[in-house]
Amino acid sequence: MRDWDIQIIFHFIRRPGMYTGSFKANDYKRIDSFLIAYEMGSMNECKFRDKLIEQIQGKYNVEFPATGLLGQLRKASKAANQGIHEFFISESMEILIKESDQDNKNKFVNYKRKELINRLEQFPSEINYNWVFNFANVFNELKAWKGVNLINEENILAQSLIDGINQLIKDRFLELVKVPKQLKSIKEILLTLLKENVS
């Protein structure tokens, strides 16, 4: 599984409806179709669907039925006494974490660190809602990740930067607001720390 696959599948498992054309973010009816198409598009390099099918067979002794992956998920989620939504997320997350963090590669967190570094390197002297919104989105994805993650100091600094900017722009979020030295200092310390820890 490529680094990019981990990112896409991580987004997909949390909001499959957004990827399958549903009006509901958590609609699981077409997940098998999406995963088959994604696998074809990856030239069979991703193999997430195969890993999920094998994992369910191994852990829950539920064979892959004629009704496809969705049928297998329904049977296995009943056996696990979980809703299909929670079951799909937990089993998928287990696969993604293994793929990301095996051999101490920590693919997911390093990919996200690079995204945060890129955002911090584009930190403007005057700021508005757009910058903090994009930075916070990446940070929130890290908070949802259950594998190897940012170190505590990185988390504290990133949250402080987000909170500080939100406080600064709270009544004028569309205006450009001059960034005070204190927030610039937090940004510099965080940027240095992220660069030290990325691999």
N, C-alpha and C. Protein backbone atom coordinates (compact mmCIF):
# COMPACT_ATOMS: atom_id res chain seq x y z
N MET A 1 0.85 -1.18 0.00
CA MET A 1 0.00 0.00 0.00
C MET A 1 0.90 1.24 0.00
N ARG A 2 0.63 2.15 -0.92
CA ARG A 2 1.44 3.36 -1.03
C ARG A 2 1.02 4.38 0.03
N ASP A 3 1.90 5.34 0.32
CA ASP A 3 1.60 6.38 1.31
C ASP A 3 0.28 7.09 0.97
N TRP A 4 0.12 7.40 -0.31
CA TRP A 4 -1.07 8.12 -0.76
C TRP A 4 -2.33 7.29 -0.53
N ASP A 5 -2.23 5.96 -0.73
CA ASP A 5 -3.39 5.09 -0.51
C ASP A 5 -3.86 5.17 0.94
N ILE A 6 -2.92 5.20 1.87
CA ILE A 6 -3.27 5.28 3.29
C ILE A 6 -4.07 6.55 3.56
N GLN A 7 -3.66 7.66 2.97
CA GLN A 7 -4.36 8.93 3.17
C GLN A 7 -5.78 8.87 2.59
N ILE A 8 -5.91 8.38 1.36
CA ILE A 8 -7.21 8.32 0.70
C ILE A 8 -8.16 7.38 1.43
N ILE A 9 -7.67 6.19 1.76
CA ILE A 9 -8.53 5.21 2.43
C ILE A 9 -8.92 5.70 3.82
N PHE A 10 -8.01 6.40 4.50
CA PHE A 10 -8.33 6.97 5.82
C PHE A 10 -9.51 7.94 5.71
N HIS A 11 -9.50 8.78 4.69
CA HIS A 11 -10.63 9.70 4.46
C HIS A 11 -11.89 8.91 4.10
N PHE A 12 -11.73 7.94 3.22
CA PHE A 12 -12.86 7.16 2.72
C PHE A 12 -13.59 6.42 3.83
N ILE A 13 -12.88 5.74 4.72
CA ILE A 13 -13.56 4.92 5.73
C ILE A 13 -14.38 5.76 6.69
N ARG A 14 -13.99 7.02 6.89
CA ARG A 14 -14.71 7.89 7.81
C ARG A 14 -15.93 8.54 7.17
N ARG A 15 -15.89 8.76 5.86
CA ARG A 15 -17.01 9.41 5.16
C ARG A 15 -17.20 8.79 3.78
N PRO A 16 -17.56 7.51 3.71
CA PRO A 16 -17.64 6.84 2.41
C PRO A 16 -18.66 7.45 1.45
N GLY A 17 -19.73 8.00 1.99
CA GLY A 17 -20.75 8.59 1.12
C GLY A 17 -20.23 9.72 0.26
N MET A 18 -19.23 10.44 0.74
CA MET A 18 -18.64 11.53 -0.03
C MET A 18 -17.92 11.00 -1.27
N TYR A 19 -17.48 9.76 -1.22
CA TYR A 19 -16.72 9.17 -2.33
C TYR A 19 -17.60 8.32 -3.24
N THR A 20 -18.81 8.01 -2.80
CA THR A 20 -19.67 7.12 -3.58
C THR A 20 -20.90 7.83 -4.15
N GLY A 21 -20.96 9.14 -4.00
CA GLY A 21 -22.07 9.91 -4.57
C GLY A 21 -23.34 9.88 -3.76
N SER A 22 -23.24 9.53 -2.49
CA SER A 22 -24.43 9.49 -1.64
C SER A 22 -24.69 10.87 -1.04
N PHE A 23 -25.92 11.08 -0.61
CA PHE A 23 -26.25 12.32 0.08
C PHE A 23 -25.88 12.26 1.55
N LYS A 24 -25.54 11.07 2.05
CA LYS A 24 -25.15 10.89 3.45
C LYS A 24 -23.67 10.57 3.52
N ALA A 25 -22.95 11.24 4.39
CA ALA A 25 -21.51 11.00 4.52
C ALA A 25 -21.21 9.57 4.97
N ASN A 26 -22.08 9.00 5.80
CA ASN A 26 -21.82 7.67 6.35
C ASN A 26 -22.59 6.56 5.63
N ASP A 27 -22.85 6.71 4.35
CA ASP A 27 -23.57 5.69 3.58
C ASP A 27 -22.58 4.62 3.12
N TYR A 28 -22.81 3.39 3.56
CA TYR A 28 -21.88 2.29 3.29
C TYR A 28 -22.34 1.37 2.17
N LYS A 29 -23.43 1.71 1.48
CA LYS A 29 -24.00 0.79 0.49
C LYS A 29 -23.10 0.54 -0.71
N ARG A 30 -22.27 1.50 -1.07
CA ARG A 30 -21.46 1.35 -2.29
C ARG A 30 -19.97 1.25 -2.00
N ILE A 31 -19.61 0.86 -0.80
CA ILE A 31 -18.17 0.83 -0.48
C ILE A 31 -17.43 -0.19 -1.32
N ASP A 32 -18.05 -1.33 -1.59
CA ASP A 32 -17.36 -2.36 -2.37
C ASP A 32 -17.07 -1.87 -3.78
N SER A 33 -18.04 -1.20 -4.40
CA SER A 33 -17.83 -0.66 -5.75
C SER A 33 -16.68 0.33 -5.76
N PHE A 34 -16.65 1.21 -4.76
CA PHE A 34 -15.58 2.20 -4.70
C PHE A 34 -14.22 1.51 -4.55
N LEU A 35 -14.14 0.54 -3.63
CA LEU A 35 -12.85 -0.12 -3.37
C LEU A 35 -12.38 -0.92 -4.58
N ILE A 36 -13.30 -1.54 -5.31
CA ILE A 36 -12.92 -2.25 -6.54
C ILE A 36 -12.36 -1.26 -7.56
N ALA A 37 -13.07 -0.15 -7.75
CA ALA A 37 -12.63 0.87 -8.71
C ALA A 37 -11.30 1.49 -8.28
N TYR A 38 -11.16 1.74 -6.98
CA TYR A 38 -9.91 2.33 -6.49
C TYR A 38 -8.74 1.37 -6.73
N GLU A 39 -8.97 0.09 -6.48
CA GLU A 39 -7.92 -0.91 -6.70
C GLU A 39 -7.52 -0.96 -8.17
N MET A 40 -8.49 -0.89 -9.05
CA MET A 40 -8.18 -0.88 -10.48
C MET A 40 -7.37 0.36 -10.84
N GLY A 41 -7.77 1.49 -10.28
CA GLY A 41 -7.05 2.74 -10.54
C GLY A 41 -5.64 2.75 -9.99
N SER A 42 -5.40 1.97 -8.94
CA SER A 42 -4.06 1.90 -8.35
C SER A 42 -3.19 0.85 -9.04
N MET A 43 -3.71 0.27 -10.12
CA MET A 43 -3.01 -0.80 -10.84
C MET A 43 -2.68 -1.96 -9.92
N ASN A 44 -3.62 -2.24 -9.03
CA ASN A 44 -3.53 -3.36 -8.10
C ASN A 44 -2.38 -3.22 -7.09
N GLU A 45 -1.98 -1.97 -6.81
CA GLU A 45 -0.91 -1.75 -5.83
C GLU A 45 -1.43 -1.52 -4.42
N CYS A 46 -2.69 -1.13 -4.29
CA CYS A 46 -3.23 -0.80 -2.97
C CYS A 46 -3.56 -2.05 -2.16
N LYS A 47 -4.41 -2.90 -2.69
CA LYS A 47 -4.80 -4.17 -2.07
C LYS A 47 -5.53 -4.03 -0.73
N PHE A 48 -6.08 -2.86 -0.44
CA PHE A 48 -6.80 -2.66 0.82
C PHE A 48 -8.01 -3.59 0.91
N ARG A 49 -8.77 -3.66 -0.16
CA ARG A 49 -9.98 -4.50 -0.15
C ARG A 49 -9.62 -5.96 0.14
N ASP A 50 -8.59 -6.47 -0.52
CA ASP A 50 -8.16 -7.86 -0.29
C ASP A 50 -7.74 -8.07 1.16
N LYS A 51 -7.02 -7.11 1.70
CA LYS A 51 -6.57 -7.22 3.10
C LYS A 51 -7.77 -7.23 4.06
N LEU A 52 -8.77 -6.39 3.77
CA LEU A 52 -9.96 -6.33 4.61
C LEU A 52 -10.73 -7.66 4.57
N ILE A 53 -10.91 -8.20 3.37
CA ILE A 53 -11.61 -9.48 3.22
C ILE A 53 -10.88 -10.58 3.99
N GLU A 54 -9.56 -10.65 3.82
CA GLU A 54 -8.75 -11.67 4.50
C GLU A 54 -8.79 -11.50 6.01
N GLN A 55 -8.71 -10.26 6.47
CA GLN A 55 -8.72 -10.00 7.92
C GLN A 55 -10.05 -10.46 8.54
N ILE A 56 -11.15 -10.15 7.87
CA ILE A 56 -12.47 -10.55 8.39
C ILE A 56 -12.59 -12.08 8.39
N GLN A 57 -12.10 -12.73 7.34
CA GLN A 57 -12.14 -14.19 7.31
C GLN A 57 -11.32 -14.78 8.45
N GLY A 58 -10.13 -14.22 8.68
CA GLY A 58 -9.25 -14.74 9.72
C GLY A 58 -9.73 -14.48 11.13
N LYS A 59 -10.21 -13.28 11.39
CA LYS A 59 -10.61 -12.90 12.76
C LYS A 59 -12.00 -13.40 13.14
N TYR A 60 -12.92 -13.41 12.18
CA TYR A 60 -14.32 -13.69 12.52
C TYR A 60 -14.85 -14.97 11.85
N ASN A 61 -13.99 -15.62 11.08
CA ASN A 61 -14.37 -16.85 10.39
C ASN A 61 -15.61 -16.64 9.51
N VAL A 62 -15.67 -15.49 8.87
CA VAL A 62 -16.78 -15.16 7.96
C VAL A 62 -16.21 -15.13 6.54
N GLU A 63 -16.60 -16.10 5.76
CA GLU A 63 -16.12 -16.20 4.38
C GLU A 63 -16.69 -15.08 3.52
N PHE A 64 -16.03 -14.82 2.41
CA PHE A 64 -16.49 -13.81 1.46
C PHE A 64 -17.69 -14.38 0.69
N PRO A 65 -18.90 -13.82 0.88
CA PRO A 65 -20.10 -14.39 0.27
C PRO A 65 -20.37 -13.85 -1.14
N ALA A 66 -21.38 -14.41 -1.77
CA ALA A 66 -21.79 -13.96 -3.10
C ALA A 66 -22.30 -12.52 -3.06
N THR A 67 -22.72 -12.05 -1.89
CA THR A 67 -23.21 -10.67 -1.76
C THR A 67 -22.07 -9.66 -1.63
N GLY A 68 -20.83 -10.12 -1.73
CA GLY A 68 -19.68 -9.23 -1.76
C GLY A 68 -19.22 -8.77 -0.39
N LEU A 69 -18.38 -7.76 -0.41
CA LEU A 69 -17.79 -7.23 0.82
C LEU A 69 -18.85 -6.74 1.79
N LEU A 70 -19.87 -6.08 1.28
CA LEU A 70 -20.93 -5.56 2.16
C LEU A 70 -21.62 -6.70 2.90
N GLY A 71 -21.88 -7.81 2.21
CA GLY A 71 -22.48 -8.97 2.86
C GLY A 71 -21.57 -9.54 3.93
N GLN A 72 -20.27 -9.58 3.64
CA GLN A 72 -19.31 -10.08 4.62
C GLN A 72 -19.25 -9.15 5.84
N LEU A 73 -19.27 -7.85 5.59
CA LEU A 73 -19.25 -6.88 6.69
C LEU A 73 -20.49 -7.01 7.57
N ARG A 74 -21.65 -7.21 6.94
CA ARG A 74 -22.89 -7.37 7.71
C ARG A 74 -22.81 -8.58 8.65
N LYS A 75 -22.38 -9.72 8.11
CA LYS A 75 -22.29 -10.94 8.92
C LYS A 75 -21.26 -10.79 10.03
N ALA A 76 -20.10 -10.27 9.69
CA ALA A 76 -19.02 -10.14 10.68
C ALA A 76 -19.37 -9.11 11.75
N SER A 77 -20.02 -8.01 11.36
CA SER A 77 -20.38 -6.99 12.36
C SER A 77 -21.40 -7.54 13.34
N LYS A 78 -22.31 -8.40 12.86
CA LYS A 78 -23.26 -9.06 13.77
C LYS A 78 -22.52 -9.99 14.73
N ALA A 79 -21.56 -10.75 14.19
CA ALA A 79 -20.77 -11.66 15.02
C ALA A 79 -19.97 -10.89 16.07
N ALA A 80 -19.53 -9.69 15.71
CA ALA A 80 -18.75 -8.86 16.63
C ALA A 80 -19.65 -7.99 17.52
N ASN A 81 -20.96 -8.08 17.30
CA ASN A 81 -21.94 -7.30 18.06
C ASN A 81 -21.69 -5.79 17.93
N GLN A 82 -21.45 -5.36 16.70
CA GLN A 82 -21.22 -3.95 16.39
C GLN A 82 -22.09 -3.55 15.21
N GLY A 83 -22.33 -2.24 15.09
CA GLY A 83 -22.97 -1.73 13.89
C GLY A 83 -21.99 -1.81 12.74
N ILE A 84 -22.49 -1.89 11.52
CA ILE A 84 -21.61 -2.03 10.35
C ILE A 84 -20.67 -0.84 10.22
N HIS A 85 -21.16 0.35 10.54
CA HIS A 85 -20.36 1.57 10.46
C HIS A 85 -19.13 1.48 11.36
N GLU A 86 -19.35 1.18 12.64
CA GLU A 86 -18.24 1.10 13.61
C GLU A 86 -17.30 -0.06 13.25
N PHE A 87 -17.90 -1.18 12.83
CA PHE A 87 -17.10 -2.36 12.49
C PHE A 87 -16.18 -2.06 11.30
N PHE A 88 -16.73 -1.46 10.26
CA PHE A 88 -15.95 -1.13 9.07
C PHE A 88 -14.79 -0.19 9.42
N ILE A 89 -15.07 0.82 10.22
CA ILE A 89 -14.02 1.76 10.60
C ILE A 89 -12.93 1.07 11.42
N SER A 90 -13.31 0.30 12.43
CA SER A 90 -12.31 -0.31 13.31
C SER A 90 -11.45 -1.34 12.57
N GLU A 91 -12.07 -2.16 11.73
CA GLU A 91 -11.28 -3.16 10.98
C GLU A 91 -10.39 -2.48 9.95
N SER A 92 -10.91 -1.45 9.29
CA SER A 92 -10.13 -0.72 8.29
C SER A 92 -8.97 0.02 8.94
N MET A 93 -9.25 0.65 10.08
CA MET A 93 -8.21 1.40 10.78
C MET A 93 -7.07 0.48 11.20
N GLU A 94 -7.41 -0.72 11.62
CA GLU A 94 -6.39 -1.70 12.01
C GLU A 94 -5.44 -2.00 10.84
N ILE A 95 -6.01 -2.16 9.66
CA ILE A 95 -5.20 -2.41 8.46
C ILE A 95 -4.33 -1.21 8.13
N LEU A 96 -4.91 -0.02 8.16
CA LEU A 96 -4.17 1.20 7.82
C LEU A 96 -3.02 1.45 8.80
N ILE A 97 -3.28 1.23 10.08
CA ILE A 97 -2.22 1.43 11.09
C ILE A 97 -1.08 0.46 10.86
N LYS A 98 -1.42 -0.79 10.59
CA LYS A 98 -0.37 -1.78 10.32
C LYS A 98 0.45 -1.39 9.10
N GLU A 99 -0.24 -0.98 8.03
CA GLU A 99 0.45 -0.56 6.80
C GLU A 99 1.32 0.67 7.03
N SER A 100 0.81 1.61 7.80
CA SER A 100 1.53 2.86 8.04
C SER A 100 2.74 2.67 8.95
N ASP A 101 2.53 1.97 10.05
CA ASP A 101 3.51 1.99 11.13
C ASP A 101 4.45 0.79 11.17
N GLN A 102 4.26 -0.18 10.24
CA GLN A 102 5.15 -1.34 10.26
C GLN A 102 6.59 -0.91 9.98
N ASP A 103 7.53 -1.62 10.58
CA ASP A 103 8.96 -1.35 10.43
C ASP A 103 9.32 0.08 10.84
N ASN A 104 8.54 0.66 11.74
CA ASN A 104 8.76 2.03 12.24
C ASN A 104 8.80 3.07 11.12
N LYS A 105 8.07 2.83 10.05
CA LYS A 105 8.04 3.80 8.94
C LYS A 105 7.11 4.96 9.24
N ASN A 106 6.04 4.72 9.99
CA ASN A 106 5.12 5.77 10.42
C ASN A 106 4.70 6.67 9.25
N LYS A 107 4.25 6.03 8.19
CA LYS A 107 3.94 6.74 6.94
C LYS A 107 2.89 7.83 7.12
N PHE A 108 1.83 7.51 7.87
CA PHE A 108 0.73 8.47 8.00
C PHE A 108 1.19 9.74 8.70
N VAL A 109 1.78 9.59 9.88
CA VAL A 109 2.16 10.77 10.65
C VAL A 109 3.24 11.58 9.93
N ASN A 110 4.15 10.92 9.23
CA ASN A 110 5.18 11.65 8.51
C ASN A 110 4.62 12.40 7.32
N TYR A 111 3.65 11.81 6.65
CA TYR A 111 2.97 12.49 5.55
C TYR A 111 2.28 13.76 6.07
N LYS A 112 1.59 13.62 7.20
CA LYS A 112 0.88 14.76 7.78
C LYS A 112 1.86 15.80 8.34
N ARG A 113 2.98 15.34 8.90
CA ARG A 113 4.00 16.30 9.36
C ARG A 113 4.46 17.16 8.19
N LYS A 114 4.68 16.53 7.05
CA LYS A 114 5.12 17.28 5.87
C LYS A 114 4.06 18.29 5.44
N GLU A 115 2.79 17.91 5.55
CA GLU A 115 1.71 18.86 5.24
C GLU A 115 1.73 20.05 6.19
N LEU A 116 1.91 19.77 7.49
CA LEU A 116 1.97 20.85 8.48
C LEU A 116 3.17 21.75 8.23
N ILE A 117 4.32 21.14 7.92
CA ILE A 117 5.53 21.91 7.62
C ILE A 117 5.27 22.83 6.44
N ASN A 118 4.67 22.30 5.40
CA ASN A 118 4.36 23.09 4.21
C ASN A 118 3.46 24.28 4.56
N ARG A 119 2.45 24.04 5.38
CA ARG A 119 1.55 25.14 5.79
C ARG A 119 2.31 26.18 6.61
N LEU A 120 3.16 25.71 7.53
CA LEU A 120 3.90 26.64 8.38
C LEU A 120 4.92 27.44 7.58
N GLU A 121 5.49 26.84 6.56
CA GLU A 121 6.45 27.56 5.71
C GLU A 121 5.75 28.64 4.88
N GLN A 122 4.44 28.53 4.73
CA GLN A 122 3.66 29.53 4.01
C GLN A 122 2.90 30.44 4.98
N PHE A 123 3.35 30.48 6.21
CA PHE A 123 2.71 31.28 7.25
C PHE A 123 2.84 32.76 6.91
N PRO A 124 1.72 33.46 6.75
CA PRO A 124 1.78 34.87 6.35
C PRO A 124 2.01 35.81 7.54
N SER A 125 2.43 37.03 7.25
CA SER A 125 2.59 38.02 8.33
C SER A 125 1.24 38.61 8.72
N GLU A 126 0.28 38.54 7.80
CA GLU A 126 -1.11 38.92 8.09
C GLU A 126 -1.97 37.70 7.79
N ILE A 127 -2.86 37.37 8.72
CA ILE A 127 -3.55 36.08 8.64
C ILE A 127 -5.06 36.26 8.71
N ASN A 128 -5.78 35.29 8.14
CA ASN A 128 -7.24 35.26 8.28
C ASN A 128 -7.68 33.81 8.45
N TYR A 129 -8.97 33.60 8.37
CA TYR A 129 -9.57 32.29 8.63
C TYR A 129 -9.05 31.19 7.70
N ASN A 130 -8.77 31.53 6.45
CA ASN A 130 -8.38 30.51 5.47
C ASN A 130 -7.15 29.73 5.90
N TRP A 131 -6.12 30.42 6.35
CA TRP A 131 -4.89 29.70 6.73
C TRP A 131 -5.15 28.78 7.92
N VAL A 132 -5.76 29.30 8.96
CA VAL A 132 -5.97 28.49 10.17
C VAL A 132 -6.93 27.34 9.90
N PHE A 133 -7.91 27.54 9.04
CA PHE A 133 -8.85 26.46 8.68
C PHE A 133 -8.10 25.29 8.04
N ASN A 134 -7.24 25.59 7.07
CA ASN A 134 -6.49 24.54 6.38
C ASN A 134 -5.50 23.84 7.31
N PHE A 135 -4.82 24.60 8.14
CA PHE A 135 -3.86 24.02 9.09
C PHE A 135 -4.59 23.14 10.10
N ALA A 136 -5.71 23.62 10.61
CA ALA A 136 -6.48 22.87 11.61
C ALA A 136 -7.06 21.59 11.02
N ASN A 137 -7.42 21.59 9.74
CA ASN A 137 -7.93 20.37 9.11
C ASN A 137 -6.89 19.25 9.14
N VAL A 138 -5.66 19.58 8.81
CA VAL A 138 -4.58 18.58 8.84
C VAL A 138 -4.37 18.10 10.28
N PHE A 139 -4.35 19.03 11.21
CA PHE A 139 -4.15 18.69 12.63
C PHE A 139 -5.28 17.80 13.15
N ASN A 140 -6.52 18.10 12.76
CA ASN A 140 -7.66 17.30 13.20
C ASN A 140 -7.63 15.88 12.63
N GLU A 141 -7.10 15.72 11.43
CA GLU A 141 -6.92 14.38 10.88
C GLU A 141 -5.94 13.58 11.74
N LEU A 142 -4.90 14.23 12.20
CA LEU A 142 -3.94 13.56 13.08
C LEU A 142 -4.59 13.17 14.40
N LYS A 143 -5.49 14.02 14.90
CA LYS A 143 -6.17 13.68 16.16
C LYS A 143 -7.08 12.46 15.99
N ALA A 144 -7.60 12.24 14.79
CA ALA A 144 -8.47 11.09 14.53
C ALA A 144 -7.68 9.81 14.26
N TRP A 145 -6.40 9.94 13.98
CA TRP A 145 -5.55 8.78 13.67
C TRP A 145 -5.20 8.05 14.96
N LYS A 146 -5.33 6.72 14.94
CA LYS A 146 -5.10 5.91 16.15
C LYS A 146 -3.72 5.25 16.18
N GLY A 147 -2.91 5.46 15.16
CA GLY A 147 -1.57 4.86 15.12
C GLY A 147 -0.54 5.80 15.70
N VAL A 148 0.74 5.59 15.33
CA VAL A 148 1.83 6.46 15.78
C VAL A 148 1.48 7.88 15.37
N ASN A 149 1.69 8.83 16.29
CA ASN A 149 1.21 10.18 16.04
C ASN A 149 2.28 11.21 16.41
N LEU A 150 1.88 12.48 16.38
CA LEU A 150 2.77 13.56 16.79
C LEU A 150 3.18 13.35 18.24
N ILE A 151 4.35 13.88 18.59
CA ILE A 151 4.74 13.83 20.00
C ILE A 151 3.95 14.89 20.75
N ASN A 152 3.91 14.77 22.06
CA ASN A 152 3.08 15.64 22.89
C ASN A 152 3.39 17.12 22.68
N GLU A 153 4.67 17.46 22.60
CA GLU A 153 5.05 18.87 22.44
C GLU A 153 4.54 19.43 21.10
N GLU A 154 4.59 18.62 20.04
CA GLU A 154 4.07 19.06 18.75
C GLU A 154 2.56 19.32 18.84
N ASN A 155 1.85 18.41 19.52
CA ASN A 155 0.40 18.58 19.70
C ASN A 155 0.07 19.86 20.45
N ILE A 156 0.78 20.09 21.54
CA ILE A 156 0.53 21.27 22.37
C ILE A 156 0.79 22.55 21.58
N LEU A 157 1.91 22.60 20.87
CA LEU A 157 2.26 23.79 20.09
C LEU A 157 1.26 24.03 18.95
N ALA A 158 0.89 22.96 18.25
CA ALA A 158 -0.07 23.11 17.14
C ALA A 158 -1.41 23.62 17.65
N GLN A 159 -1.87 23.05 18.77
CA GLN A 159 -3.15 23.49 19.34
C GLN A 159 -3.06 24.93 19.83
N SER A 160 -1.93 25.30 20.43
CA SER A 160 -1.72 26.69 20.89
C SER A 160 -1.75 27.67 19.73
N LEU A 161 -1.12 27.28 18.62
CA LEU A 161 -1.11 28.14 17.44
C LEU A 161 -2.53 28.32 16.89
N ILE A 162 -3.26 27.22 16.77
CA ILE A 162 -4.64 27.29 16.27
C ILE A 162 -5.51 28.14 17.19
N ASP A 163 -5.42 27.87 18.49
CA ASP A 163 -6.23 28.64 19.46
C ASP A 163 -5.86 30.12 19.44
N GLY A 164 -4.57 30.41 19.36
CA GLY A 164 -4.10 31.79 19.35
C GLY A 164 -4.60 32.55 18.13
N ILE A 165 -4.53 31.91 16.96
CA ILE A 165 -4.99 32.56 15.73
C ILE A 165 -6.51 32.73 15.76
N ASN A 166 -7.22 31.70 16.22
CA ASN A 166 -8.68 31.81 16.31
C ASN A 166 -9.10 32.95 17.24
N GLN A 167 -8.38 33.12 18.34
CA GLN A 167 -8.66 34.21 19.27
C GLN A 167 -8.38 35.56 18.60
N LEU A 168 -7.29 35.61 17.86
CA LEU A 168 -6.88 36.85 17.18
C LEU A 168 -7.90 37.30 16.14
N ILE A 169 -8.49 36.35 15.43
CA ILE A 169 -9.37 36.70 14.30
C ILE A 169 -10.85 36.50 14.60
N LYS A 170 -11.20 36.21 15.85
CA LYS A 170 -12.57 35.77 16.18
C LYS A 170 -13.67 36.70 15.69
N ASP A 171 -13.47 38.00 15.73
CA ASP A 171 -14.53 38.92 15.30
C ASP A 171 -14.30 39.46 13.89
N ARG A 172 -13.24 39.06 13.26
CA ARG A 172 -12.93 39.57 11.92
C ARG A 172 -12.21 38.51 11.09
N PHE A 173 -12.83 37.34 10.99
CA PHE A 173 -12.15 36.20 10.39
C PHE A 173 -11.92 36.32 8.88
N LEU A 174 -12.57 37.24 8.20
CA LEU A 174 -12.31 37.43 6.77
C LEU A 174 -11.27 38.51 6.51
N GLU A 175 -11.01 39.34 7.51
CA GLU A 175 -10.00 40.39 7.37
C GLU A 175 -8.61 39.79 7.54
N LEU A 176 -7.62 40.45 6.98
CA LEU A 176 -6.23 40.08 7.24
C LEU A 176 -5.80 40.78 8.52
N VAL A 177 -5.31 39.99 9.48
CA VAL A 177 -4.92 40.52 10.78
C VAL A 177 -3.43 40.28 10.98
N LYS A 178 -2.73 41.32 11.44
CA LYS A 178 -1.28 41.20 11.66
C LYS A 178 -1.00 40.18 12.76
N VAL A 179 -0.05 39.28 12.50
CA VAL A 179 0.29 38.21 13.45
C VAL A 179 1.26 38.76 14.49
N PRO A 180 0.93 38.64 15.79
CA PRO A 180 1.84 39.13 16.83
C PRO A 180 3.08 38.23 16.98
N LYS A 181 4.12 38.79 17.61
CA LYS A 181 5.40 38.08 17.78
C LYS A 181 5.23 36.75 18.51
N GLN A 182 4.35 36.72 19.50
CA GLN A 182 4.16 35.50 20.29
C GLN A 182 3.71 34.33 19.40
N LEU A 183 2.77 34.58 18.50
CA LEU A 183 2.30 33.52 17.60
C LEU A 183 3.36 33.15 16.57
N LYS A 184 4.12 34.14 16.12
CA LYS A 184 5.23 33.85 15.19
C LYS A 184 6.26 32.96 15.87
N SER A 185 6.50 33.21 17.14
CA SER A 185 7.46 32.42 17.90
C SER A 185 6.98 30.97 18.05
N ILE A 186 5.70 30.79 18.37
CA ILE A 186 5.12 29.43 18.47
C ILE A 186 5.26 28.72 17.13
N LYS A 187 4.97 29.45 16.06
CA LYS A 187 5.08 28.87 14.71
C LYS A 187 6.49 28.39 14.43
N GLU A 188 7.49 29.20 14.77
CA GLU A 188 8.90 28.85 14.51
C GLU A 188 9.33 27.63 15.32
N ILE A 189 8.95 27.58 16.58
CA ILE A 189 9.31 26.44 17.44
C ILE A 189 8.66 25.17 16.90
N LEU A 190 7.39 25.25 16.54
CA LEU A 190 6.67 24.10 16.01
C LEU A 190 7.29 23.64 14.69
N LEU A 191 7.61 24.57 13.82
CA LEU A 191 8.21 24.23 12.53
C LEU A 191 9.53 23.49 12.72
N THR A 192 10.36 23.99 13.62
CA THR A 192 11.65 23.35 13.91
C THR A 192 11.45 21.93 14.44
N LEU A 193 10.52 21.79 15.36
CA LEU A 193 10.25 20.48 15.97
C LEU A 193 9.71 19.48 14.95
N LEU A 194 8.79 19.91 14.11
CA LEU A 194 8.25 19.03 13.07
C LEU A 194 9.34 18.57 12.11
N LYS A 195 10.22 19.49 11.73
CA LYS A 195 11.32 19.14 10.82
C LYS A 195 12.29 18.15 11.47
N GLU A 196 12.51 18.30 12.76
CA GLU A 196 13.39 17.37 13.48
C GLU A 196 12.80 15.97 13.53
N ASN A 197 11.49 15.87 13.60
CA ASN A 197 10.83 14.57 13.82
C ASN A 197 10.32 13.89 12.56
N VAL A 198 10.34 14.57 11.43
CA VAL A 198 9.86 13.95 10.19
C VAL A 198 10.94 13.01 9.65
N SER A 199 10.48 11.94 9.03
CA SER A 199 11.47 11.03 8.41
C SER A 199 11.04 10.67 7.01
